[in-house]
Amino acid sequence: MENIDNPNQEINIELDASIAEGIYSNLAIISHSPNEFIIDFISIMPGVPKARVRSRIILTPQNAKRLMKALENNIRTFEQSHGTIKDQNQNIPFSFGTPTAQA
C-alpha cells in the first residue's frame, strides 16, 4: 500500500518464514460493513461438502480500494506478458448465514 503522508519514506517489511510459505486458496468470500471489508480465503476440494476458512484479512474501505487497484494493475501486467486469463465461472453453492458475497 502506498504511503500518502510521505511517499518517499521507506518501510522495512519483515516476512516471517511461516508466512512466506503462503496458504493455498481457490475461493475468496468478500463481505463488508460500513467500516471494513473482510476477505476470507478458503481452500475447497472437489466432492468434499465442507471447507474451512484458511485466512481472513480485514481492511479499511480505503485500503480495500487500494488493493483492488493494485490487483487490477498486476492482472493487466500479467496478461500483457502471458495472455488473457480465462474466467472459469463456477457456481459454488455455499451458505454461511451471512449476506450474499461475491468471490
Protein backbone atom coordinates (compact mmCIF):
# COMPACT_ATOMS: atom_id res chain seq x y z
CA MET A 1 0.00 0.00 0.00
CA GLU A 2 1.23 3.48 -0.72
CA ASN A 3 2.21 5.97 1.95
CA ILE A 4 0.11 9.09 1.34
CA ASP A 5 1.72 11.27 4.04
CA ASN A 6 5.30 10.83 2.84
CA PRO A 7 5.63 8.92 -0.44
CA ASN A 8 9.45 8.97 -0.20
CA GLN A 9 9.55 7.24 3.20
CA GLU A 10 10.91 3.70 3.03
CA ILE A 11 9.24 0.96 5.05
CA ASN A 12 11.20 -2.02 6.28
CA ILE A 13 8.91 -5.04 5.83
CA GLU A 14 9.70 -8.27 7.64
CA LEU A 15 8.41 -11.58 6.25
CA ASP A 16 8.31 -14.44 8.76
CA ALA A 17 9.22 -17.85 7.29
CA SER A 18 5.86 -19.40 8.22
CA ILE A 19 4.00 -16.57 6.47
CA ALA A 20 6.32 -16.73 3.44
CA GLU A 21 5.15 -20.30 2.78
CA GLY A 22 1.70 -18.93 1.98
CA ILE A 23 -1.67 -20.61 2.13
CA TYR A 24 -3.37 -22.03 -0.96
CA SER A 25 -6.83 -20.66 -1.67
CA ASN A 26 -9.17 -21.33 -4.57
CA LEU A 27 -12.13 -19.38 -3.21
CA ALA A 28 -12.47 -15.94 -1.62
CA ILE A 29 -15.58 -14.70 0.12
CA ILE A 30 -15.82 -10.92 0.44
CA SER A 31 -18.19 -9.14 2.79
CA HIS A 32 -18.26 -5.64 4.22
CA SER A 33 -19.67 -3.33 6.85
CA PRO A 34 -19.63 0.48 6.81
CA ASN A 35 -16.15 0.39 8.41
CA GLU A 36 -14.34 -2.62 6.96
CA PHE A 37 -14.01 -5.17 4.19
CA ILE A 38 -13.47 -8.78 5.19
CA ILE A 39 -11.87 -11.24 2.79
CA ASP A 40 -11.99 -14.92 3.77
CA PHE A 41 -9.64 -17.17 1.81
CA ILE A 42 -10.85 -20.75 1.53
CA SER A 43 -9.49 -23.97 0.07
CA ILE A 44 -12.34 -26.11 -1.23
CA MET A 45 -11.81 -29.59 -2.64
CA PRO A 46 -13.99 -31.16 -5.36
CA GLY A 47 -16.54 -33.57 -3.98
CA VAL A 48 -15.96 -32.52 -0.37
CA PRO A 49 -19.00 -30.74 1.07
CA LYS A 50 -17.08 -28.93 3.81
CA ALA A 51 -14.38 -26.29 3.52
CA ARG A 52 -12.50 -24.16 6.04
CA VAL A 53 -11.50 -20.54 6.04
CA ARG A 54 -7.71 -20.69 5.81
CA SER A 55 -7.04 -16.99 6.30
CA ARG A 56 -9.02 -13.80 6.96
CA ILE A 57 -7.91 -10.31 6.02
CA ILE A 58 -9.73 -7.25 7.38
CA LEU A 59 -9.22 -3.95 5.55
CA THR A 60 -10.48 -0.40 5.81
CA PRO A 61 -12.60 0.65 2.81
CA GLN A 62 -9.73 2.88 1.63
CA ASN A 63 -7.20 0.03 1.76
CA ALA A 64 -9.68 -2.34 0.10
CA LYS A 65 -9.91 0.10 -2.81
CA ARG A 66 -6.10 0.38 -2.98
CA LEU A 67 -5.88 -3.42 -3.02
CA MET A 68 -8.42 -3.56 -5.87
CA LYS A 69 -6.39 -1.06 -7.91
CA ALA A 70 -3.14 -2.92 -7.22
CA LEU A 71 -4.74 -6.22 -8.31
CA GLU A 72 -6.12 -4.61 -11.48
CA ASN A 73 -2.67 -3.24 -12.32
CA ASN A 74 -0.95 -6.57 -11.64
CA ILE A 75 -3.51 -8.54 -13.65
CA ARG A 76 -3.13 -6.12 -16.58
CA THR A 77 0.67 -6.52 -16.45
CA PHE A 78 0.39 -10.32 -16.16
CA GLU A 79 -1.96 -10.53 -19.15
CA GLN A 80 0.32 -8.35 -21.27
CA SER A 81 3.12 -10.86 -20.65
CA HIS A 82 1.20 -14.15 -20.55
CA GLY A 83 -2.09 -13.62 -22.37
CA THR A 84 -5.66 -13.24 -21.17
CA ILE A 85 -6.63 -15.09 -18.02
CA LYS A 86 -9.68 -17.22 -18.81
CA ASP A 87 -12.51 -16.74 -16.34
CA GLN A 88 -13.91 -20.12 -15.39
CA ASN A 89 -17.20 -19.04 -13.88
CA GLN A 90 -18.03 -21.72 -11.34
CA ASN A 91 -21.19 -21.56 -9.30
CA ILE A 92 -20.26 -22.99 -5.93
CA PRO A 93 -23.27 -23.45 -3.67
CA PHE A 94 -22.47 -22.28 -0.17
CA SER A 95 -24.14 -20.60 2.72
CA PHE A 96 -22.61 -19.01 5.79
CA GLY A 97 -25.78 -17.40 7.08
CA THR A 98 -24.40 -14.02 6.02
CA PRO A 99 -25.44 -11.54 3.32
CA THR A 100 -24.67 -12.55 -0.24
CA ALA A 101 -20.99 -12.12 -1.02
CA GLN A 102 -19.02 -12.20 -4.24
CA ALA A 103 -15.79 -14.03 -4.90
